[in-house]
PDB file of N, CA and C in Angstrom:
ATOM      1  N   MET A   1      20.731   0.643  -6.944  1.00  0.00           N
ATOM      2  CA  MET A   1      20.106  -0.655  -7.360  1.00  0.00           C
ATOM      3  C   MET A   1      20.069  -0.700  -8.870  1.00  0.00           C
ATOM      4  N   SER A   2      20.559  -1.777  -9.423  1.00  0.00           N
ATOM      5  CA  SER A   2      20.543  -1.952 -10.891  1.00  0.00           C
ATOM      6  C   SER A   2      19.219  -2.458 -11.369  1.00  0.00           C
ATOM      7  N   ALA A   3      18.939  -2.218 -12.622  1.00  0.00           N
ATOM      8  CA  ALA A   3      17.682  -2.622 -13.212  1.00  0.00           C
ATOM      9  C   ALA A   3      17.663  -4.142 -13.472  1.00  0.00           C
ATOM     10  N   HIS A   4      16.473  -4.749 -13.363  1.00  0.00           N
ATOM     11  CA  HIS A   4      16.323  -6.129 -13.696  1.00  0.00           C
ATOM     12  C   HIS A   4      16.167  -6.267 -15.237  1.00  0.00           C
ATOM     13  N   GLN A   5      16.480  -7.451 -15.696  1.00  0.00           N
ATOM     14  CA  GLN A   5      16.283  -7.741 -17.150  1.00  0.00           C
ATOM     15  C   GLN A   5      14.895  -8.394 -17.293  1.00  0.00           C
ATOM     16  N   ILE A   6      14.174  -7.906 -18.326  1.00  0.00           N
ATOM     17  CA  ILE A   6      12.862  -8.519 -18.587  1.00  0.00           C
ATOM     18  C   ILE A   6      12.957  -9.513 -19.690  1.00  0.00           C
ATOM     19  N   LEU A   7      12.449 -10.706 -19.465  1.00  0.00           N
ATOM     20  CA  LEU A   7      12.335 -11.760 -20.452  1.00  0.00           C
ATOM     21  C   LEU A   7      10.868 -12.056 -20.676  1.00  0.00           C
ATOM     22  N   PHE A   8      10.492 -12.372 -21.914  1.00  0.00           N
ATOM     23  CA  PHE A   8       9.086 -12.673 -22.210  1.00  0.00           C
ATOM     24  C   PHE A   8       8.930 -14.130 -22.667  1.00  0.00           C
ATOM     25  N   ALA A   9       7.968 -14.779 -22.096  1.00  0.00           N
ATOM     26  CA  ALA A   9       7.537 -16.143 -22.534  1.00  0.00           C
ATOM     27  C   ALA A   9       6.788 -15.973 -23.823  1.00  0.00           C
ATOM     28  N   LYS A  10       6.718 -17.015 -24.649  1.00  0.00           N
ATOM     29  CA  LYS A  10       5.956 -16.987 -25.918  1.00  0.00           C
ATOM     30  C   LYS A  10       4.522 -16.546 -25.669  1.00  0.00           C
ATOM     31  N   SER A  11       3.904 -17.082 -24.624  1.00  0.00           N
ATOM     32  CA  SER A  11       2.513 -16.746 -24.300  1.00  0.00           C
ATOM     33  C   SER A  11       2.332 -15.274 -24.005  1.00  0.00           C
ATOM     34  N   ALA A  12       3.284 -14.663 -23.357  1.00  0.00           N
ATOM     35  CA  ALA A  12       3.244 -13.251 -23.038  1.00  0.00           C
ATOM     36  C   ALA A  12       3.357 -12.420 -24.326  1.00  0.00           C
ATOM     37  N   LYS A  13       4.260 -12.810 -25.187  1.00  0.00           N
ATOM     38  CA  LYS A  13       4.446 -12.085 -26.482  1.00  0.00           C
ATOM     39  C   LYS A  13       3.132 -12.116 -27.285  1.00  0.00           C
ATOM     40  N   LYS A  14       2.474 -13.293 -27.330  1.00  0.00           N
ATOM     41  CA  LYS A  14       1.212 -13.382 -28.048  1.00  0.00           C
ATOM     42  C   LYS A  14       0.155 -12.486 -27.420  1.00  0.00           C
ATOM     43  N   ASP A  15       0.106 -12.487 -26.072  1.00  0.00           N
ATOM     44  CA  ASP A  15      -0.869 -11.679 -25.358  1.00  0.00           C
ATOM     45  C   ASP A  15      -0.680 -10.181 -25.701  1.00  0.00           C
ATOM     46  N   ILE A  16       0.577  -9.736 -25.704  1.00  0.00           N
ATOM     47  CA  ILE A  16       0.892  -8.321 -25.982  1.00  0.00           C
ATOM     48  C   ILE A  16       0.539  -7.971 -27.402  1.00  0.00           C
ATOM     49  N   GLN A  17       0.800  -8.870 -28.330  1.00  0.00           N
ATOM     50  CA  GLN A  17       0.452  -8.549 -29.753  1.00  0.00           C
ATOM     51  C   GLN A  17      -1.020  -8.376 -29.948  1.00  0.00           C
ATOM     52  N   LYS A  18      -1.830  -9.028 -29.149  1.00  0.00           N
ATOM     53  CA  LYS A  18      -3.291  -8.869 -29.344  1.00  0.00           C
ATOM     54  C   LYS A  18      -3.819  -7.580 -28.758  1.00  0.00           C
ATOM     55  N   LEU A  19      -3.001  -6.838 -27.954  1.00  0.00           N
ATOM     56  CA  LEU A  19      -3.520  -5.628 -27.341  1.00  0.00           C
ATOM     57  C   LEU A  19      -3.485  -4.462 -28.301  1.00  0.00           C
ATOM     58  N   ASP A  20      -4.302  -3.460 -28.023  1.00  0.00           N
ATOM     59  CA  ASP A  20      -4.311  -2.255 -28.828  1.00  0.00           C
ATOM     60  C   ASP A  20      -3.021  -1.416 -28.557  1.00  0.00           C
ATOM     61  N   LEU A  21      -2.746  -0.537 -29.478  1.00  0.00           N
ATOM     62  CA  LEU A  21      -1.497   0.276 -29.440  1.00  0.00           C
ATOM     63  C   LEU A  21      -1.386   1.053 -28.142  1.00  0.00           C
ATOM     64  N   GLN A  22      -2.458   1.715 -27.703  1.00  0.00           N
ATOM     65  CA  GLN A  22      -2.434   2.494 -26.481  1.00  0.00           C
ATOM     66  C   GLN A  22      -2.082   1.676 -25.272  1.00  0.00           C
ATOM     67  N   THR A  23      -2.626   0.488 -25.122  1.00  0.00           N
ATOM     68  CA  THR A  23      -2.352  -0.368 -24.017  1.00  0.00           C
ATOM     69  C   THR A  23      -0.874  -0.867 -24.066  1.00  0.00           C
ATOM     70  N   ARG A  24      -0.408  -1.167 -25.237  1.00  0.00           N
ATOM     71  CA  ARG A  24       1.003  -1.589 -25.397  1.00  0.00           C
ATOM     72  C   ARG A  24       1.959  -0.486 -24.958  1.00  0.00           C
ATOM     73  N   LYS A  25       1.651   0.764 -25.332  1.00  0.00           N
ATOM     74  CA  LYS A  25       2.502   1.879 -24.956  1.00  0.00           C
ATOM     75  C   LYS A  25       2.473   2.029 -23.425  1.00  0.00           C
ATOM     76  N   ARG A  26       1.317   1.887 -22.836  1.00  0.00           N
ATOM     77  CA  ARG A  26       1.128   1.962 -21.401  1.00  0.00           C
ATOM     78  C   ARG A  26       1.986   0.914 -20.684  1.00  0.00           C
ATOM     79  N   LEU A  27       1.921  -0.342 -21.203  1.00  0.00           N
ATOM     80  CA  LEU A  27       2.701  -1.434 -20.634  1.00  0.00           C
ATOM     81  C   LEU A  27       4.203  -1.166 -20.720  1.00  0.00           C
ATOM     82  N   LYS A  28       4.654  -0.675 -21.825  1.00  0.00           N
ATOM     83  CA  LYS A  28       6.063  -0.369 -22.019  1.00  0.00           C
ATOM     84  C   LYS A  28       6.557   0.693 -21.035  1.00  0.00           C
ATOM     85  N   GLN A  29       5.744   1.721 -20.862  1.00  0.00           N
ATOM     86  CA  GLN A  29       6.048   2.766 -19.911  1.00  0.00           C
ATOM     87  C   GLN A  29       6.117   2.204 -18.461  1.00  0.00           C
ATOM     88  N   LYS A  30       5.174   1.366 -18.121  1.00  0.00           N
ATOM     89  CA  LYS A  30       5.174   0.760 -16.781  1.00  0.00           C
ATOM     90  C   LYS A  30       6.361  -0.152 -16.542  1.00  0.00           C
ATOM     91  N   PHE A  31       6.734  -0.958 -17.587  1.00  0.00           N
ATOM     92  CA  PHE A  31       7.856  -1.873 -17.492  1.00  0.00           C
ATOM     93  C   PHE A  31       9.128  -1.105 -17.124  1.00  0.00           C
ATOM     94  N   THR A  32       9.306   0.072 -17.745  1.00  0.00           N
ATOM     95  CA  THR A  32      10.545   0.851 -17.516  1.00  0.00           C
ATOM     96  C   THR A  32      10.602   1.299 -16.063  1.00  0.00           C
ATOM     97  N   THR A  33       9.462   1.538 -15.439  1.00  0.00           N
ATOM     98  CA  THR A  33       9.383   1.922 -14.043  1.00  0.00           C
ATOM     99  C   THR A  33       9.616   0.712 -13.133  1.00  0.00           C
ATOM    100  N   PHE A  34       8.947  -0.410 -13.495  1.00  0.00           N
ATOM    101  CA  PHE A  34       8.955  -1.595 -12.628  1.00  0.00           C
ATOM    102  C   PHE A  34      10.292  -2.262 -12.615  1.00  0.00           C
ATOM    103  N   ILE A  35      11.094  -2.242 -13.694  1.00  0.00           N
ATOM    104  CA  ILE A  35      12.324  -3.006 -13.689  1.00  0.00           C
ATOM    105  C   ILE A  35      13.340  -2.501 -12.703  1.00  0.00           C
ATOM    106  N   LEU A  36      13.233  -1.228 -12.318  1.00  0.00           N
ATOM    107  CA  LEU A  36      14.194  -0.710 -11.325  1.00  0.00           C
ATOM    108  C   LEU A  36      14.042  -1.352  -9.956  1.00  0.00           C
ATOM    109  N   ASP A  37      12.775  -1.510  -9.570  1.00  0.00           N
ATOM    110  CA  ASP A  37      12.487  -2.136  -8.255  1.00  0.00           C
ATOM    111  C   ASP A  37      11.120  -2.788  -8.388  1.00  0.00           C
ATOM    112  N   PRO A  38      11.083  -4.075  -8.842  1.00  0.00           N
ATOM    113  CA  PRO A  38       9.781  -4.711  -9.162  1.00  0.00           C
ATOM    114  C   PRO A  38       8.899  -5.070  -7.979  1.00  0.00           C
ATOM    115  N   LEU A  39       9.409  -5.335  -6.814  1.00  0.00           N
ATOM    116  CA  LEU A  39       8.580  -5.819  -5.766  1.00  0.00           C
ATOM    117  C   LEU A  39       7.604  -4.827  -5.152  1.00  0.00           C
ATOM    118  N   PRO A  40       7.953  -3.576  -4.915  1.00  0.00           N
ATOM    119  CA  PRO A  40       6.970  -2.646  -4.317  1.00  0.00           C
ATOM    120  C   PRO A  40       5.762  -2.454  -5.186  1.00  0.00           C
ATOM    121  N   HIS A  41       5.858  -2.656  -6.481  1.00  0.00           N
ATOM    122  CA  HIS A  41       4.766  -2.500  -7.444  1.00  0.00           C
ATOM    123  C   HIS A  41       3.988  -3.779  -7.644  1.00  0.00           C
ATOM    124  N   SER A  42       4.451  -4.869  -7.089  1.00  0.00           N
ATOM    125  CA  SER A  42       3.848  -6.164  -7.378  1.00  0.00           C
ATOM    126  C   SER A  42       3.061  -6.678  -6.194  1.00  0.00           C
ATOM    127  N   LYS A  43       2.302  -7.701  -6.477  1.00  0.00           N
ATOM    128  CA  LYS A  43       1.533  -8.392  -5.418  1.00  0.00           C
ATOM    129  C   LYS A  43       1.879  -9.866  -5.587  1.00  0.00           C
ATOM    130  N   LYS A  44       2.201 -10.522  -4.468  1.00  0.00           N
ATOM    131  CA  LYS A  44       2.520 -11.984  -4.534  1.00  0.00           C
ATOM    132  C   LYS A  44       1.223 -12.774  -4.752  1.00  0.00           C
ATOM    133  N   LEU A  45       1.264 -13.697  -5.681  1.00  0.00           N
ATOM    134  CA  LEU A  45       0.100 -14.508  -5.965  1.00  0.00           C
ATOM    135  C   LEU A  45       0.003 -15.720  -5.066  1.00  0.00           C
ATOM    136  N   ILE A  46      -1.218 -16.005  -4.651  1.00  0.00           N
ATOM    137  CA  ILE A  46      -1.488 -17.211  -3.845  1.00  0.00           C
ATOM    138  C   ILE A  46      -1.335 -18.513  -4.641  1.00  0.00           C
ATOM    139  N   ASN A  47      -1.910 -18.498  -5.886  1.00  0.00           N
ATOM    140  CA  ASN A  47      -1.827 -19.647  -6.743  1.00  0.00           C
ATOM    141  C   ASN A  47      -0.609 -19.514  -7.606  1.00  0.00           C
ATOM    142  N   SER A  48       0.483 -20.185  -7.209  1.00  0.00           N
ATOM    143  CA  SER A  48       1.733 -20.053  -7.957  1.00  0.00           C
ATOM    144  C   SER A  48       1.800 -20.903  -9.190  1.00  0.00           C
ATOM    145  N   LYS A  49       0.685 -21.588  -9.565  1.00  0.00           N
ATOM    146  CA  LYS A  49       0.701 -22.368 -10.814  1.00  0.00           C
ATOM    147  C   LYS A  49       0.813 -21.451 -12.024  1.00  0.00           C
ATOM    148  N   ILE A  50       0.271 -20.262 -11.980  1.00  0.00           N
ATOM    149  CA  ILE A  50       0.311 -19.361 -13.119  1.00  0.00           C
ATOM    150  C   ILE A  50       1.473 -18.386 -13.046  1.00  0.00           C
ATOM    151  N   GLY A  51       2.097 -18.205 -11.889  1.00  0.00           N
ATOM    152  CA  GLY A  51       3.197 -17.256 -11.684  1.00  0.00           C
ATOM    153  C   GLY A  51       3.311 -16.950 -10.240  1.00  0.00           C
ATOM    154  N   THR A  52       4.376 -16.267  -9.864  1.00  0.00           N
ATOM    155  CA  THR A  52       4.545 -15.928  -8.463  1.00  0.00           C
ATOM    156  C   THR A  52       4.104 -14.502  -8.098  1.00  0.00           C
ATOM    157  N   HIS A  53       4.169 -13.570  -9.073  1.00  0.00           N
ATOM    158  CA  HIS A  53       3.792 -12.195  -8.752  1.00  0.00           C
ATOM    159  C   HIS A  53       2.941 -11.633  -9.881  1.00  0.00           C
ATOM    160  N   ARG A  54       2.337 -10.473  -9.615  1.00  0.00           N
ATOM    161  CA  ARG A  54       1.590  -9.755 -10.648  1.00  0.00           C
ATOM    162  C   ARG A  54       1.716  -8.263 -10.474  1.00  0.00           C
ATOM    163  N   TRP A  55       1.650  -7.594 -11.618  1.00  0.00           N
ATOM    164  CA  TRP A  55       1.556  -6.132 -11.639  1.00  0.00           C
ATOM    165  C   TRP A  55       0.207  -5.756 -12.181  1.00  0.00           C
ATOM    166  N   ARG A  56      -0.315  -4.668 -11.723  1.00  0.00           N
ATOM    167  CA  ARG A  56      -1.602  -4.146 -12.240  1.00  0.00           C
ATOM    168  C   ARG A  56      -1.264  -2.960 -13.156  1.00  0.00           C
ATOM    169  N   VAL A  57      -1.745  -3.079 -14.360  1.00  0.00           N
ATOM    170  CA  VAL A  57      -1.616  -1.958 -15.367  1.00  0.00           C
ATOM    171  C   VAL A  57      -3.001  -1.687 -15.879  1.00  0.00           C
ATOM    172  N   GLY A  58      -3.729  -0.768 -15.264  1.00  0.00           N
ATOM    173  CA  GLY A  58      -5.076  -0.489 -15.618  1.00  0.00           C
ATOM    174  C   GLY A  58      -5.960  -1.734 -15.390  1.00  0.00           C
ATOM    175  N   SER A  59      -6.699  -2.163 -16.412  1.00  0.00           N
ATOM    176  CA  SER A  59      -7.551  -3.363 -16.300  1.00  0.00           C
ATOM    177  C   SER A  59      -6.743  -4.675 -16.591  1.00  0.00           C
ATOM    178  N   TYR A  60      -5.494  -4.506 -16.890  1.00  0.00           N
ATOM    179  CA  TYR A  60      -4.680  -5.698 -17.260  1.00  0.00           C
ATOM    180  C   TYR A  60      -3.769  -6.104 -16.109  1.00  0.00           C
ATOM    181  N   ARG A  61      -3.436  -7.381 -16.142  1.00  0.00           N
ATOM    182  CA  ARG A  61      -2.553  -7.959 -15.142  1.00  0.00           C
ATOM    183  C   ARG A  61      -1.333  -8.569 -15.853  1.00  0.00           C
ATOM    184  N   VAL A  62      -0.216  -8.311 -15.337  1.00  0.00           N
ATOM    185  CA  VAL A  62       1.025  -8.856 -15.890  1.00  0.00           C
ATOM    186  C   VAL A  62       1.512  -9.901 -14.836  1.00  0.00           C
ATOM    187  N   ILE A  63       1.454 -11.172 -15.216  1.00  0.00           N
ATOM    188  CA  ILE A  63       1.882 -12.276 -14.367  1.00  0.00           C
ATOM    189  C   ILE A  63       3.332 -12.566 -14.656  1.00  0.00           C
ATOM    190  N   PHE A  64       4.152 -12.709 -13.604  1.00  0.00           N
ATOM    191  CA  PHE A  64       5.589 -12.908 -13.831  1.00  0.00           C
ATOM    192  C   PHE A  64       6.199 -13.694 -12.681  1.00  0.00           C
ATOM    193  N   ASP A  65       7.370 -14.241 -13.005  1.00  0.00           N
ATOM    194  CA  ASP A  65       8.207 -14.889 -11.999  1.00  0.00           C
ATOM    195  C   ASP A  65       9.465 -14.009 -11.839  1.00  0.00           C
ATOM    196  N   LEU A  66       9.938 -13.931 -10.619  1.00  0.00           N
ATOM    197  CA  LEU A  66      11.074 -13.086 -10.331  1.00  0.00           C
ATOM    198  C   LEU A  66      12.251 -13.931  -9.855  1.00  0.00           C
ATOM    199  N   ASP A  67      13.399 -13.736 -10.430  1.00  0.00           N
ATOM    200  CA  ASP A  67      14.637 -14.386  -9.989  1.00  0.00           C
ATOM    201  C   ASP A  67      15.571 -13.274  -9.532  1.00  0.00           C
ATOM    202  N   SER A  68      15.598 -13.050  -8.236  1.00  0.00           N
ATOM    203  CA  SER A  68      16.377 -11.957  -7.664  1.00  0.00           C
ATOM    204  C   SER A  68      17.852 -12.191  -7.789  1.00  0.00           C
ATOM    205  N   LYS A  69      18.285 -13.422  -7.759  1.00  0.00           N
ATOM    206  CA  LYS A  69      19.733 -13.686  -7.856  1.00  0.00           C
ATOM    207  C   LYS A  69      20.280 -13.291  -9.215  1.00  0.00           C
ATOM    208  N   LYS A  70      19.533 -13.680 -10.265  1.00  0.00           N
ATOM    209  CA  LYS A  70      19.991 -13.361 -11.639  1.00  0.00           C
ATOM    210  C   LYS A  70      19.486 -11.990 -12.078  1.00  0.00           C
ATOM    211  N   GLN A  71      18.648 -11.363 -11.253  1.00  0.00           N
ATOM    212  CA  GLN A  71      18.017 -10.045 -11.580  1.00  0.00           C
ATOM    213  C   GLN A  71      17.260 -10.164 -12.894  1.00  0.00           C
ATOM    214  N   GLU A  72      16.417 -11.197 -12.981  1.00  0.00           N
ATOM    215  CA  GLU A  72      15.581 -11.407 -14.161  1.00  0.00           C
ATOM    216  C   GLU A  72      14.104 -11.426 -13.792  1.00  0.00           C
ATOM    217  N   ILE A  73      13.308 -10.898 -14.683  1.00  0.00           N
ATOM    218  CA  ILE A  73      11.864 -10.955 -14.555  1.00  0.00           C
ATOM    219  C   ILE A  73      11.352 -11.687 -15.765  1.00  0.00           C
ATOM    220  N   LEU A  74      10.645 -12.817 -15.557  1.00  0.00           N
ATOM    221  CA  LEU A  74      10.101 -13.561 -16.704  1.00  0.00           C
ATOM    222  C   LEU A  74       8.622 -13.254 -16.729  1.00  0.00           C
ATOM    223  N   ILE A  75       8.224 -12.567 -17.771  1.00  0.00           N
ATOM    224  CA  ILE A  75       6.775 -12.210 -17.951  1.00  0.00           C
ATOM    225  C   ILE A  75       6.136 -13.479 -18.584  1.00  0.00           C
ATOM    226  N   LEU A  76       5.109 -13.932 -17.914  1.00  0.00           N
ATOM    227  CA  LEU A  76       4.394 -15.144 -18.339  1.00  0.00           C
ATOM    228  C   LEU A  76       3.098 -14.874 -19.086  1.00  0.00           C
ATOM    229  N   ARG A  77       2.321 -13.973 -18.581  1.00  0.00           N
ATOM    230  CA  ARG A  77       1.002 -13.638 -19.199  1.00  0.00           C
ATOM    231  C   ARG A  77       0.752 -12.125 -19.081  1.00  0.00           C
ATOM    232  N   VAL A  78       0.028 -11.580 -20.034  1.00  0.00           N
ATOM    233  CA  VAL A  78      -0.483 -10.209 -19.938  1.00  0.00           C
ATOM    234  C   VAL A  78      -1.897 -10.276 -20.497  1.00  0.00           C
ATOM    235  N   ARG A  79      -2.846 -10.226 -19.548  1.00  0.00           N
ATOM    236  CA  ARG A  79      -4.264 -10.396 -19.940  1.00  0.00           C
ATOM    237  C   ARG A  79      -5.164  -9.460 -19.125  1.00  0.00           C
ATOM    238  N   HIS A  80      -6.383  -9.337 -19.610  1.00  0.00           N
ATOM    239  CA  HIS A  80      -7.364  -8.590 -18.895  1.00  0.00           C
ATOM    240  C   HIS A  80      -7.654  -9.273 -17.563  1.00  0.00           C
ATOM    241  N   ARG A  81      -7.971  -8.499 -16.566  1.00  0.00           N
ATOM    242  CA  ARG A  81      -8.172  -9.062 -15.219  1.00  0.00           C
ATOM    243  C   ARG A  81      -9.274 -10.073 -15.161  1.00  0.00           C
ATOM    244  N   LYS A  82     -10.244 -10.068 -16.028  1.00  0.00           N
ATOM    245  CA  LYS A  82     -11.346 -11.035 -16.010  1.00  0.00           C
ATOM    246  C   LYS A  82     -10.870 -12.440 -16.485  1.00  0.00           C
ATOM    247  N   GLU A  83      -9.814 -12.438 -17.318  1.00  0.00           N
ATOM    248  CA  GLU A  83      -9.350 -13.696 -17.896  1.00  0.00           C
ATOM    249  C   GLU A  83      -8.090 -14.287 -17.321  1.00  0.00           C
ATOM    250  N   VAL A  84      -7.288 -13.460 -16.726  1.00  0.00           N
ATOM    251  CA  VAL A  84      -5.876 -13.825 -16.427  1.00  0.00           C
ATOM    252  C   VAL A  84      -5.766 -14.960 -15.387  1.00  0.00           C
ATOM    253  N   TYR A  85      -6.673 -15.066 -14.455  1.00  0.00           N
ATOM    254  CA  TYR A  85      -6.550 -16.061 -13.403  1.00  0.00           C
ATOM    255  C   TYR A  85      -7.204 -17.417 -13.743  1.00  0.00           C
ATOM    256  N   LYS A  86      -7.849 -17.516 -14.890  1.00  0.00           N
ATOM    257  CA  LYS A  86      -8.507 -18.744 -15.276  1.00  0.00           C
ATOM    258  C   LYS A  86      -7.383 -19.652 -15.896  1.00  0.00           C
ATOM    259  N   CYS A  87      -7.226 -20.821 -15.380  1.00  0.00           N
ATOM    260  CA  CYS A  87      -6.168 -21.715 -15.842  1.00  0.00           C
ATOM    261  C   CYS A  87      -6.655 -22.591 -16.984  1.00  0.00           C
TER     262      CYS A  87
END
């Protein structure tokens, strides 16, 4: 199985820039694991207004859309679990 390509929305880039260095390193490490096979590590979201899937990385949630045909993962938001689901 080939790795998926990760794309970042502007909102996700801003979210990541606000995080501390340790959390950013942790995210990067998790992304390298998740891109090989993203679905077993993810949970499908009920409210698809904010995204279709999410990953859990500690107290943070990575909201993303998955395009299996193009093998692309579009990261939409990276926020603390208390804030991420508020629209």
